[in-house]
Amino acid sequence: MRLLVFFFIFLEFLAGVIQAAPTTNTTNTTTSDNVEAPSFTTRTLWTIISSSILTLFACVYSAIHPNIPSHKDSGYPHIIWRQLSMIIMALIAPELIVTWAMRQRFSADQWTQTHSFFVLMGGFMLYVDGEPYCTLQPNHILKLIHEKCIDVPTLTAKQIHDKSKGNAISKGVVVLQVAWFVIQLITRAIYHLETTQLEVGTLAFAVLNFLTYAAWWDKPLDVQCPYPVHWKSTGSKATVTPEYYIDEKYEITQFGPLSPFFRPILELVGYPGIPACCKLQVPTFDGSIKLVSYSDKIALLLAGLLMATIFGGIHAMAWFFVFPTYQEQVLWRMSAVAITCTPWFGLLTTALLAAMNAPLKLFILLYALCTLFYIIARAVLLVLMFTTLRNLPPDAYKALLWTSLVPHL
């Protein structure tokens, strides 16, 4: 609801700016006796790059609400590596980030939205004899409360939000920056001004960013420490560690030497070989949350495929753009088709192999090939977004004057 309020306030302000935008006779063309075309101004290559990079940063970093890290990973090297891995994943597979957010949103229904998100991100840590013992999962914490092994946590929603590094204002600023970027690209299309490949690629991230923020609006941002819950039972501690907890050093081996490389993606898609929870933290990219409702499962699957189609389709908008070379244009087209169709191909092929009772190794081979193909296509698009800036058409440097009057970073 607050996201919609910010959006409508922005639109109202935008309408006022458009109506009040000045015109200059030197750049206007008269379409009739009483109607004048809007004023144009020029922009530099630095303006194009800076606005795109700031918006891209907002989409791949500020919008991600990570789970709580283990207390063993509190040092700067671990923090930097964790943040870097999230940025890389958001650049490679932003549609999976949206799916991750939606999965948590669908599952955040046992308490208040804030409490549910806090539990799902590893917000409650069980302490035994004064030492951290394991991260409590939603069903597990309810079981221990019912068995009177622990007291009901007295943490309020206000206290949880106090742990968060973000609020409605900081999130609203990011949303407004992304909204400005989208609107100024729409106006460029309306007035037939050239748009760069960098802006098209950033637009694809921006569209998915709105959905990510909507799904995670009530999730605390960048919480570093879980809330302690103390074990009070004098009985056995066997029920404290369910089967789904594993050691912190657990590694998958199905993909051989590529297993560490594939693990973040495997976590996001909820691959069966990935455990639900490490003992002292929820995985950084946790896709293991089980959805109870069949309709939610179907909705999540279709949403993931739809996000991939939208993301690739936006890149395909640059199909007939001006490229410095014909080879770069062909690479862009092939890569846009690849990221659009690969998820659908993987899903349909997996269903076909399942119907044929194919061996597990064939599934693993298919998954590895589709993932590598997708990553290569994404990398090509990211490189072309910047290399095509070396030779832009003259219209790419023109901009509507009123868009510069709208507050943005």
Protein backbone atom coordinates (compact mmCIF):
# COMPACT_ATOMS: atom_id res chain seq x y z
CA MET A 1 0.00 0.00 0.00
CA ARG A 2 2.80 2.43 0.90
CA LEU A 3 4.50 1.61 -2.39
CA LEU A 4 1.35 2.61 -4.28
CA VAL A 5 1.09 5.86 -2.30
CA PHE A 6 4.66 6.81 -3.25
CA PHE A 7 3.94 5.95 -6.88
CA PHE A 8 0.79 8.06 -7.08
CA ILE A 9 2.49 11.02 -5.36
CA PHE A 10 5.25 10.79 -7.93
CA LEU A 11 2.78 10.70 -10.81
CA GLU A 12 0.92 13.73 -9.43
CA PHE A 13 4.17 15.68 -9.14
CA LEU A 14 5.18 14.54 -12.61
CA ALA A 15 1.94 15.81 -14.12
CA GLY A 16 2.54 19.22 -12.56
CA VAL A 17 6.09 19.35 -13.90
CA ILE A 18 4.93 18.48 -17.42
CA GLN A 19 2.30 21.20 -17.38
CA ALA A 20 4.79 23.78 -16.03
CA ALA A 21 7.71 22.80 -18.27
CA PRO A 22 9.06 25.81 -20.15
CA THR A 23 9.38 25.97 -23.91
CA THR A 24 12.00 27.63 -26.06
CA ASN A 25 11.48 28.82 -29.60
CA THR A 26 14.93 27.69 -30.70
CA THR A 27 14.17 24.01 -30.23
CA ASN A 28 10.42 23.84 -30.69
CA THR A 29 8.58 22.92 -33.85
CA THR A 30 5.03 24.15 -34.28
CA THR A 31 2.51 21.46 -35.13
CA SER A 32 -0.45 23.88 -35.33
CA ASP A 33 -1.26 27.51 -34.55
CA ASN A 34 -1.95 26.79 -30.88
CA VAL A 35 0.03 23.60 -30.08
CA GLU A 36 3.80 23.51 -29.67
CA ALA A 37 6.08 20.52 -29.41
CA PRO A 38 7.95 20.17 -26.10
CA SER A 39 11.40 21.65 -25.60
CA PHE A 40 14.47 19.52 -26.09
CA THR A 41 17.88 19.77 -24.50
CA THR A 42 21.12 17.84 -24.86
CA ARG A 43 22.66 15.24 -22.61
CA THR A 44 26.20 13.94 -22.44
CA LEU A 45 27.56 10.42 -22.53
CA TRP A 46 28.37 10.78 -18.82
CA THR A 47 24.73 11.64 -18.10
CA ILE A 48 23.58 8.51 -19.91
CA ILE A 49 26.05 6.29 -18.07
CA SER A 50 25.59 7.81 -14.61
CA SER A 51 21.78 7.69 -14.64
CA SER A 52 21.84 4.10 -15.89
CA ILE A 53 24.48 2.96 -13.39
CA LEU A 54 22.66 4.58 -10.44
CA THR A 55 19.40 2.95 -11.46
CA LEU A 56 21.14 -0.37 -12.04
CA PHE A 57 22.74 -0.13 -8.59
CA ALA A 58 19.33 0.51 -7.05
CA CYS A 59 17.98 -2.59 -8.82
CA VAL A 60 20.78 -5.08 -8.12
CA TYR A 61 21.87 -3.97 -4.65
CA SER A 62 19.45 -1.72 -2.80
CA ALA A 63 16.39 -3.79 -3.70
CA ILE A 64 17.79 -7.07 -2.34
CA HIS A 65 16.79 -7.88 1.24
CA PRO A 66 19.27 -10.62 2.28
CA ASN A 67 18.81 -13.24 4.95
CA ILE A 68 20.65 -12.92 8.26
CA PRO A 69 24.26 -14.20 8.02
CA SER A 70 25.89 -16.60 10.44
CA HIS A 71 27.68 -15.06 13.40
CA LYS A 72 30.83 -16.73 12.06
CA ASP A 73 30.63 -14.56 8.93
CA SER A 74 30.68 -11.19 10.69
CA GLY A 75 34.10 -10.06 9.42
CA TYR A 76 34.51 -7.64 6.53
CA PRO A 77 35.88 -10.25 4.05
CA HIS A 78 32.79 -12.39 4.56
CA ILE A 79 30.44 -9.39 4.36
CA ILE A 80 32.03 -8.06 1.18
CA TRP A 81 32.02 -11.48 -0.47
CA ARG A 82 28.37 -12.01 0.50
CA GLN A 83 27.32 -8.66 -0.93
CA LEU A 84 29.37 -9.24 -4.07
CA SER A 85 27.77 -12.64 -4.62
CA MET A 86 24.29 -11.10 -4.32
CA ILE A 87 25.16 -8.38 -6.86
CA ILE A 88 26.51 -10.96 -9.31
CA MET A 89 23.40 -13.12 -8.93
CA ALA A 90 21.14 -10.10 -9.41
CA LEU A 91 23.02 -9.21 -12.60
CA ILE A 92 22.96 -12.75 -13.99
CA ALA A 93 19.48 -13.91 -12.99
CA PRO A 94 17.28 -11.03 -11.72
CA GLU A 95 14.13 -13.03 -12.45
CA LEU A 96 15.24 -15.60 -9.87
CA ILE A 97 15.64 -12.81 -7.30
CA VAL A 98 12.01 -11.81 -7.95
CA THR A 99 10.95 -15.45 -7.63
CA TRP A 100 12.87 -15.71 -4.35
CA ALA A 101 11.08 -12.62 -3.03
CA MET A 102 7.68 -13.93 -4.13
CA ARG A 103 8.34 -17.33 -2.54
CA GLN A 104 9.01 -15.65 0.79
CA ARG A 105 5.98 -13.40 0.34
CA PHE A 106 3.68 -16.38 -0.26
CA SER A 107 5.08 -18.11 2.84
CA ALA A 108 4.91 -15.07 5.13
CA ASP A 109 1.40 -15.78 6.41
CA GLN A 110 1.80 -17.52 9.78
CA TRP A 111 2.14 -14.33 11.87
CA THR A 112 2.29 -10.68 10.86
CA GLN A 113 4.09 -10.03 7.57
CA THR A 114 7.05 -8.57 9.44
CA HIS A 115 7.35 -11.47 11.91
CA SER A 116 6.94 -14.06 9.15
CA PHE A 117 9.67 -12.47 7.04
CA PHE A 118 11.91 -12.25 10.10
CA VAL A 119 11.54 -15.97 10.80
CA LEU A 120 12.09 -16.94 7.17
CA MET A 121 15.31 -14.92 6.98
CA GLY A 122 16.74 -16.69 10.04
CA GLY A 123 15.72 -14.11 12.63
CA PHE A 124 15.40 -16.44 15.64
CA MET A 125 18.47 -18.25 16.95
CA LEU A 126 18.11 -20.98 19.58
CA TYR A 127 20.64 -20.72 22.40
CA VAL A 128 21.51 -23.73 24.57
CA ASP A 129 23.70 -23.19 27.63
CA GLY A 130 24.44 -19.67 26.47
CA GLU A 131 25.77 -20.74 23.05
CA PRO A 132 24.09 -20.42 19.62
CA TYR A 133 22.75 -23.85 18.72
CA CYS A 134 20.62 -23.59 15.57
CA THR A 135 18.44 -21.29 13.50
CA LEU A 136 14.74 -21.81 14.13
CA GLN A 137 12.48 -22.40 11.16
CA PRO A 138 8.74 -21.43 11.17
CA ASN A 139 7.28 -24.91 11.85
CA HIS A 140 10.06 -25.76 14.27
CA ILE A 141 9.60 -22.69 16.47
CA LEU A 142 5.86 -23.37 16.74
CA LYS A 143 6.58 -26.97 17.75
CA LEU A 144 9.03 -25.94 20.47
CA ILE A 145 6.59 -23.35 21.83
CA HIS A 146 3.82 -25.97 21.92
CA GLU A 147 6.12 -28.40 23.77
CA LYS A 148 7.10 -25.59 26.17
CA CYS A 149 10.77 -26.02 25.35
CA ILE A 150 11.07 -22.28 24.74
CA ASP A 151 9.13 -19.18 25.70
CA VAL A 152 7.12 -17.28 23.11
CA PRO A 153 9.44 -14.58 21.69
CA THR A 154 8.30 -11.12 22.80
CA LEU A 155 9.84 -9.32 19.84
CA THR A 156 7.37 -6.80 18.39
CA ALA A 157 7.07 -5.69 14.77
CA LYS A 158 8.35 -2.24 15.79
CA GLN A 159 11.47 -3.78 17.33
CA ILE A 160 12.08 -5.81 14.18
CA HIS A 161 11.78 -2.71 12.00
CA ASP A 162 14.25 -1.01 14.34
CA LYS A 163 16.80 -3.67 13.34
CA SER A 164 16.19 -2.91 9.66
CA LYS A 165 18.61 -0.66 7.77
CA GLY A 166 15.81 0.63 5.53
CA ASN A 167 12.47 2.38 5.95
CA ALA A 168 9.65 3.68 3.78
CA ILE A 169 11.56 6.88 2.97
CA SER A 170 14.81 5.21 1.86
CA LYS A 171 12.90 2.60 -0.12
CA GLY A 172 10.67 5.29 -1.59
CA VAL A 173 13.71 7.25 -2.85
CA VAL A 174 14.96 4.17 -4.69
CA VAL A 175 11.52 3.49 -6.17
CA LEU A 176 11.21 7.10 -7.35
CA GLN A 177 14.64 6.95 -9.01
CA VAL A 178 13.66 3.80 -10.87
CA ALA A 179 10.25 5.31 -11.77
CA TRP A 180 11.93 8.43 -13.18
CA PHE A 181 14.24 6.30 -15.30
CA VAL A 182 11.34 4.27 -16.71
CA ILE A 183 9.22 7.34 -17.46
CA GLN A 184 12.00 9.23 -19.24
CA LEU A 185 12.60 6.19 -21.45
CA ILE A 186 8.88 6.03 -22.25
CA THR A 187 8.94 9.69 -23.29
CA ARG A 188 11.95 9.04 -25.52
CA ALA A 189 9.98 6.31 -27.29
CA ILE A 190 6.96 8.60 -27.67
CA TYR A 191 9.04 11.33 -29.33
CA HIS A 192 11.11 8.86 -31.38
CA LEU A 193 14.43 9.68 -29.74
CA GLU A 194 17.20 7.08 -29.90
CA THR A 195 17.67 4.99 -26.76
CA THR A 196 20.95 3.30 -25.92
CA GLN A 197 21.36 -0.43 -25.32
CA LEU A 198 22.58 0.39 -21.80
CA GLU A 199 19.27 2.09 -21.04
CA VAL A 200 17.26 -0.81 -22.48
CA GLY A 201 19.18 -3.28 -20.33
CA THR A 202 18.70 -1.10 -17.27
CA LEU A 203 14.99 -0.83 -18.05
CA ALA A 204 14.71 -4.63 -17.90
CA PHE A 205 16.21 -4.58 -14.39
CA ALA A 206 13.98 -1.65 -13.39
CA VAL A 207 10.75 -3.44 -14.32
CA LEU A 208 11.68 -6.47 -12.23
CA ASN A 209 12.86 -4.18 -9.43
CA PHE A 210 9.31 -2.89 -8.85
CA LEU A 211 8.10 -6.46 -8.30
CA THR A 212 10.99 -7.25 -5.95
CA TYR A 213 10.30 -4.18 -3.83
CA ALA A 214 6.56 -4.93 -3.75
CA ALA A 215 7.19 -8.49 -2.52
CA TRP A 216 9.80 -7.47 0.09
CA TRP A 217 8.32 -4.16 1.24
CA ASP A 218 7.63 -5.48 4.77
CA LYS A 219 10.84 -7.53 5.02
CA PRO A 220 13.56 -6.04 7.26
CA LEU A 221 16.60 -4.89 5.32
CA ASP A 222 20.17 -6.00 6.06
CA VAL A 223 19.64 -7.33 9.60
CA GLN A 224 22.96 -8.69 10.90
CA CYS A 225 22.07 -10.39 14.18
CA PRO A 226 19.23 -12.82 14.98
CA TYR A 227 17.04 -12.56 18.05
CA PRO A 228 18.12 -15.02 20.80
CA VAL A 229 15.61 -17.64 21.97
CA HIS A 230 16.80 -19.64 24.98
CA TRP A 231 16.25 -23.35 25.52
CA LYS A 232 14.60 -23.95 28.90
CA SER A 233 13.73 -27.65 28.80
CA THR A 234 15.76 -30.09 30.88
CA GLY A 235 14.92 -32.98 28.58
CA SER A 236 16.74 -34.30 25.55
CA LYS A 237 17.93 -31.86 22.92
CA ALA A 238 17.19 -34.36 20.13
CA THR A 239 14.14 -32.43 18.96
CA VAL A 240 16.18 -29.27 18.65
CA THR A 241 18.00 -30.38 15.53
CA PRO A 242 15.60 -31.61 12.85
CA GLU A 243 16.85 -33.68 9.94
CA TYR A 244 16.94 -30.73 7.55
CA TYR A 245 19.78 -29.02 9.40
CA ILE A 246 23.25 -29.71 8.03
CA ASP A 247 26.79 -28.71 8.77
CA GLU A 248 27.99 -25.26 7.72
CA LYS A 249 30.64 -26.82 5.43
CA TYR A 250 28.16 -28.93 3.47
CA GLU A 251 28.96 -29.00 -0.24
CA ILE A 252 26.97 -30.38 -3.17
CA THR A 253 28.83 -32.84 -5.38
CA GLN A 254 26.38 -33.70 -8.18
CA PHE A 255 27.92 -31.13 -10.54
CA GLY A 256 31.55 -32.01 -9.91
CA PRO A 257 34.03 -29.10 -9.90
CA LEU A 258 31.27 -26.72 -11.03
CA SER A 259 29.21 -27.36 -7.88
CA PRO A 260 30.36 -24.21 -5.97
CA PHE A 261 29.65 -22.15 -9.10
CA PHE A 262 26.13 -23.55 -9.49
CA ARG A 263 25.20 -23.52 -5.80
CA PRO A 264 23.68 -19.98 -5.63
CA ILE A 265 21.41 -20.73 -8.59
CA LEU A 266 20.53 -24.14 -7.16
CA GLU A 267 19.53 -22.47 -3.88
CA LEU A 268 17.33 -19.93 -5.66
CA VAL A 269 15.41 -22.53 -7.66
CA GLY A 270 14.98 -24.82 -4.65
CA TYR A 271 17.01 -27.72 -6.05
CA PRO A 272 16.28 -30.91 -4.00
CA GLY A 273 19.99 -31.50 -3.37
CA ILE A 274 20.26 -28.23 -1.42
CA PRO A 275 19.35 -28.53 2.29
CA ALA A 276 16.66 -26.30 3.74
CA CYS A 277 18.87 -24.66 6.32
CA CYS A 278 22.40 -24.62 7.63
CA LYS A 279 22.58 -25.02 11.36
CA LEU A 280 23.50 -21.43 12.19
CA GLN A 281 21.94 -19.53 9.29
CA VAL A 282 19.46 -19.61 6.45
CA PRO A 283 21.30 -19.90 3.10
CA THR A 284 21.99 -16.58 1.39
CA PHE A 285 19.79 -17.55 -1.56
CA ASP A 286 17.11 -19.65 0.10
CA GLY A 287 14.72 -21.23 -2.36
CA SER A 288 13.86 -24.22 -0.18
CA ILE A 289 10.72 -22.77 1.41
CA LYS A 290 7.90 -25.24 0.87
CA LEU A 291 4.64 -23.75 -0.34
CA VAL A 292 1.58 -25.46 1.10
CA SER A 293 -0.96 -24.22 -1.42
CA TYR A 294 -0.88 -25.86 -4.85
CA SER A 295 -2.12 -22.62 -6.38
CA ASP A 296 0.85 -20.76 -4.87
CA LYS A 297 3.24 -23.31 -6.39
CA ILE A 298 1.71 -22.90 -9.84
CA ALA A 299 1.62 -19.10 -9.45
CA LEU A 300 5.30 -19.05 -8.44
CA LEU A 301 6.32 -21.24 -11.38
CA LEU A 302 4.36 -19.19 -13.89
CA ALA A 303 5.63 -15.95 -12.33
CA GLY A 304 9.23 -17.10 -12.70
CA LEU A 305 8.72 -17.97 -16.36
CA LEU A 306 6.82 -14.73 -16.96
CA MET A 307 9.63 -12.70 -15.37
CA ALA A 308 12.18 -14.43 -17.61
CA THR A 309 10.02 -13.71 -20.66
CA ILE A 310 9.56 -10.04 -19.71
CA PHE A 311 13.26 -9.61 -18.94
CA GLY A 312 14.33 -11.12 -22.24
CA GLY A 313 11.54 -9.40 -24.16
CA ILE A 314 12.67 -5.96 -23.00
CA HIS A 315 16.16 -6.69 -24.30
CA ALA A 316 14.56 -7.73 -27.60
CA MET A 317 13.15 -4.19 -27.87
CA ALA A 318 16.62 -3.20 -29.10
CA TRP A 319 16.27 -5.61 -32.04
CA PHE A 320 16.32 -2.82 -34.63
CA PHE A 321 18.51 -0.37 -32.73
CA VAL A 322 21.60 1.11 -34.31
CA PHE A 323 24.71 -0.92 -33.40
CA PRO A 324 28.34 -0.01 -34.11
CA THR A 325 28.79 -3.26 -36.07
CA TYR A 326 26.52 -5.88 -37.59
CA GLN A 327 28.22 -8.60 -35.53
CA GLU A 328 27.24 -6.86 -32.28
CA GLN A 329 23.65 -6.58 -33.47
CA VAL A 330 23.52 -10.31 -34.21
CA LEU A 331 25.06 -11.15 -30.82
CA TRP A 332 22.49 -8.96 -29.07
CA ARG A 333 19.58 -10.59 -30.91
CA MET A 334 20.83 -14.13 -30.27
CA SER A 335 21.44 -13.42 -26.58
CA ALA A 336 18.02 -11.77 -26.13
CA VAL A 337 16.30 -14.80 -27.65
CA ALA A 338 18.44 -17.13 -25.51
CA ILE A 339 17.55 -15.57 -22.15
CA THR A 340 13.89 -15.42 -23.15
CA CYS A 341 13.53 -19.01 -24.34
CA THR A 342 16.04 -20.97 -22.23
CA PRO A 343 13.85 -21.14 -19.06
CA TRP A 344 10.89 -22.39 -21.12
CA PHE A 345 13.09 -24.90 -22.93
CA GLY A 346 14.48 -26.19 -19.64
CA LEU A 347 11.03 -26.58 -18.10
CA LEU A 348 9.50 -28.37 -21.09
CA THR A 349 12.52 -30.64 -21.55
CA THR A 350 12.55 -31.51 -17.83
CA ALA A 351 8.87 -32.45 -17.99
CA LEU A 352 9.55 -34.63 -21.03
CA LEU A 353 12.48 -36.38 -19.35
CA ALA A 354 10.39 -36.96 -16.23
CA ALA A 355 7.66 -38.57 -18.32
CA MET A 356 10.30 -40.85 -19.87
CA ASN A 357 11.76 -41.76 -16.43
CA ALA A 358 15.18 -40.54 -17.54
CA PRO A 359 18.16 -41.10 -15.19
CA LEU A 360 19.23 -38.37 -12.77
CA LYS A 361 22.50 -37.75 -14.63
CA LEU A 362 20.55 -36.68 -17.69
CA PHE A 363 18.63 -34.12 -15.62
CA ILE A 364 21.88 -32.80 -14.17
CA LEU A 365 23.45 -32.55 -17.64
CA LEU A 366 20.41 -30.69 -18.99
CA TYR A 367 20.39 -28.30 -16.04
CA ALA A 368 24.11 -27.60 -16.37
CA LEU A 369 23.90 -26.94 -20.12
CA CYS A 370 20.87 -24.63 -19.80
CA THR A 371 22.47 -22.72 -16.95
CA LEU A 372 25.77 -22.24 -18.76
CA PHE A 373 23.98 -21.20 -21.95
CA TYR A 374 21.90 -18.67 -20.04
CA ILE A 375 24.88 -17.23 -18.14
CA ILE A 376 26.89 -16.81 -21.36
CA ALA A 377 23.96 -15.01 -23.02
CA ARG A 378 23.57 -12.70 -20.00
CA ALA A 379 27.29 -11.94 -19.96
CA VAL A 380 27.21 -11.06 -23.67
CA LEU A 381 24.32 -8.64 -23.12
CA LEU A 382 26.04 -6.99 -20.17
CA VAL A 383 29.21 -6.44 -22.20
CA LEU A 384 27.31 -5.12 -25.23
CA MET A 385 25.37 -2.68 -23.04
CA PHE A 386 28.64 -0.77 -22.55
CA THR A 387 30.62 -1.45 -25.72
CA THR A 388 27.82 -0.06 -27.92
CA LEU A 389 28.21 3.35 -26.23
CA ARG A 390 31.33 4.07 -28.28
CA ASN A 391 29.37 5.10 -31.37
CA LEU A 392 25.93 6.56 -30.60
CA PRO A 393 23.62 8.23 -33.14
CA PRO A 394 23.06 12.01 -32.71
CA ASP A 395 19.47 11.61 -31.46
CA ALA A 396 20.74 9.61 -28.49
CA TYR A 397 22.12 12.85 -27.04
CA LYS A 398 18.78 14.69 -27.22
CA ALA A 399 16.42 14.69 -24.24
CA LEU A 400 13.12 16.26 -23.26
CA LEU A 401 13.71 19.30 -21.09
CA TRP A 402 11.00 18.54 -18.53
CA THR A 403 12.53 15.16 -17.60
CA SER A 404 15.54 16.96 -16.16
CA LEU A 405 13.23 18.93 -13.85
CA VAL A 406 11.92 15.79 -12.15
CA PRO A 407 13.86 15.03 -8.92
CA HIS A 408 16.24 12.12 -9.44
CA LEU A 409 19.74 11.01 -8.57
